Amino acid sequence: MAERQTIDARGSFCPGPLMELIAAIKNIEVGDEIEVLSSDKGSANDIPAWAKKVGHEVVENNERDDHWSITVRRAK
């Protein structure tokens, strides 16, 4: 069963949330997911763009009250 981790990067500014995701995704298995919570609206564009470029899957990209929730599944 796939595991899911959460990175709470609220209050961190670009490229902080993306850098945390890149570091964490190296330590999970293919099929596992990482949810990034970010208050930096740039993350809503930067993280999906990075995921597409390197071949991972964006499962969710939602704006919440004061932050974005972006979930990426490791695909390779």
Protein backbone atom coordinates (compact mmCIF):
# COMPACT_ATOMS: atom_id res chain seq x y z
CA MET A 1 0.00 0.00 0.00
CA ALA A 2 1.28 3.45 -0.92
CA GLU A 3 2.43 5.69 1.85
CA ARG A 4 1.80 9.42 2.12
CA GLN A 5 3.99 12.03 3.76
CA THR A 6 3.25 15.68 4.39
CA ILE A 7 5.72 18.54 4.17
CA ASP A 8 4.44 21.63 5.96
CA ALA A 9 6.27 24.43 4.15
CA ARG A 10 3.80 27.17 5.04
CA GLY A 11 5.72 30.37 5.73
CA SER A 12 8.59 29.25 3.48
CA PHE A 13 9.11 31.11 0.21
CA CYS A 14 10.06 29.83 -3.21
CA PRO A 15 12.07 27.82 -3.86
CA GLY A 16 11.91 26.43 -0.31
CA PRO A 17 8.81 24.21 -0.66
CA LEU A 18 10.06 22.76 -3.96
CA MET A 19 13.53 22.12 -2.52
CA GLU A 20 11.98 20.27 0.43
CA LEU A 21 9.91 18.15 -1.97
CA ILE A 22 12.93 17.31 -4.16
CA ALA A 23 14.90 16.19 -1.10
CA ALA A 24 12.02 14.11 0.30
CA ILE A 25 10.96 12.40 -2.93
CA LYS A 26 14.37 10.74 -3.18
CA ASN A 27 13.60 8.88 0.07
CA ILE A 28 10.22 7.38 -0.82
CA GLU A 29 9.19 4.41 -2.95
CA VAL A 30 7.63 4.57 -6.42
CA GLY A 31 3.88 4.98 -5.95
CA ASP A 32 4.18 6.79 -2.62
CA GLU A 33 2.89 10.36 -2.32
CA ILE A 34 4.06 13.57 -0.73
CA GLU A 35 1.66 16.37 0.11
CA VAL A 36 3.26 19.82 0.23
CA LEU A 37 1.46 22.55 2.19
CA SER A 38 2.65 25.94 0.99
CA SER A 39 1.56 29.52 1.60
CA ASP A 40 3.66 30.68 -1.38
CA LYS A 41 1.35 30.84 -4.40
CA GLY A 42 4.33 30.25 -6.69
CA SER A 43 4.44 26.66 -5.43
CA ALA A 44 1.08 25.97 -7.10
CA ASN A 45 2.82 26.49 -10.46
CA ASP A 46 6.43 25.54 -9.68
CA ILE A 47 5.79 22.14 -8.12
CA PRO A 48 3.54 20.79 -10.93
CA ALA A 49 5.97 22.16 -13.55
CA TRP A 50 8.88 20.39 -11.85
CA ALA A 51 6.89 17.14 -11.44
CA LYS A 52 5.98 17.11 -15.13
CA LYS A 53 9.57 17.84 -16.15
CA VAL A 54 11.02 14.97 -14.13
CA GLY A 55 8.17 12.53 -14.74
CA HIS A 56 6.21 12.42 -11.47
CA GLU A 57 2.44 12.71 -11.18
CA VAL A 58 0.54 15.60 -9.59
CA VAL A 59 -2.40 13.99 -7.79
CA GLU A 60 -3.89 17.13 -6.28
CA ASN A 61 -3.34 20.89 -6.44
CA ASN A 62 -5.91 22.70 -4.33
CA GLU A 63 -6.08 26.16 -2.81
CA ARG A 64 -7.19 26.05 0.81
CA ASP A 65 -8.06 28.98 3.10
CA ASP A 66 -4.55 30.39 3.45
CA HIS A 67 -2.34 27.91 1.59
CA TRP A 68 -2.08 25.41 -1.25
CA SER A 69 -2.08 21.63 -0.91
CA ILE A 70 -0.08 19.98 -3.69
CA THR A 71 0.28 16.19 -3.72
CA VAL A 72 2.88 14.50 -5.91
CA ARG A 73 3.13 10.73 -6.52
CA ARG A 74 6.58 9.35 -7.23
CA ALA A 75 6.36 7.75 -10.66
CA LYS A 76 9.88 6.44 -11.21
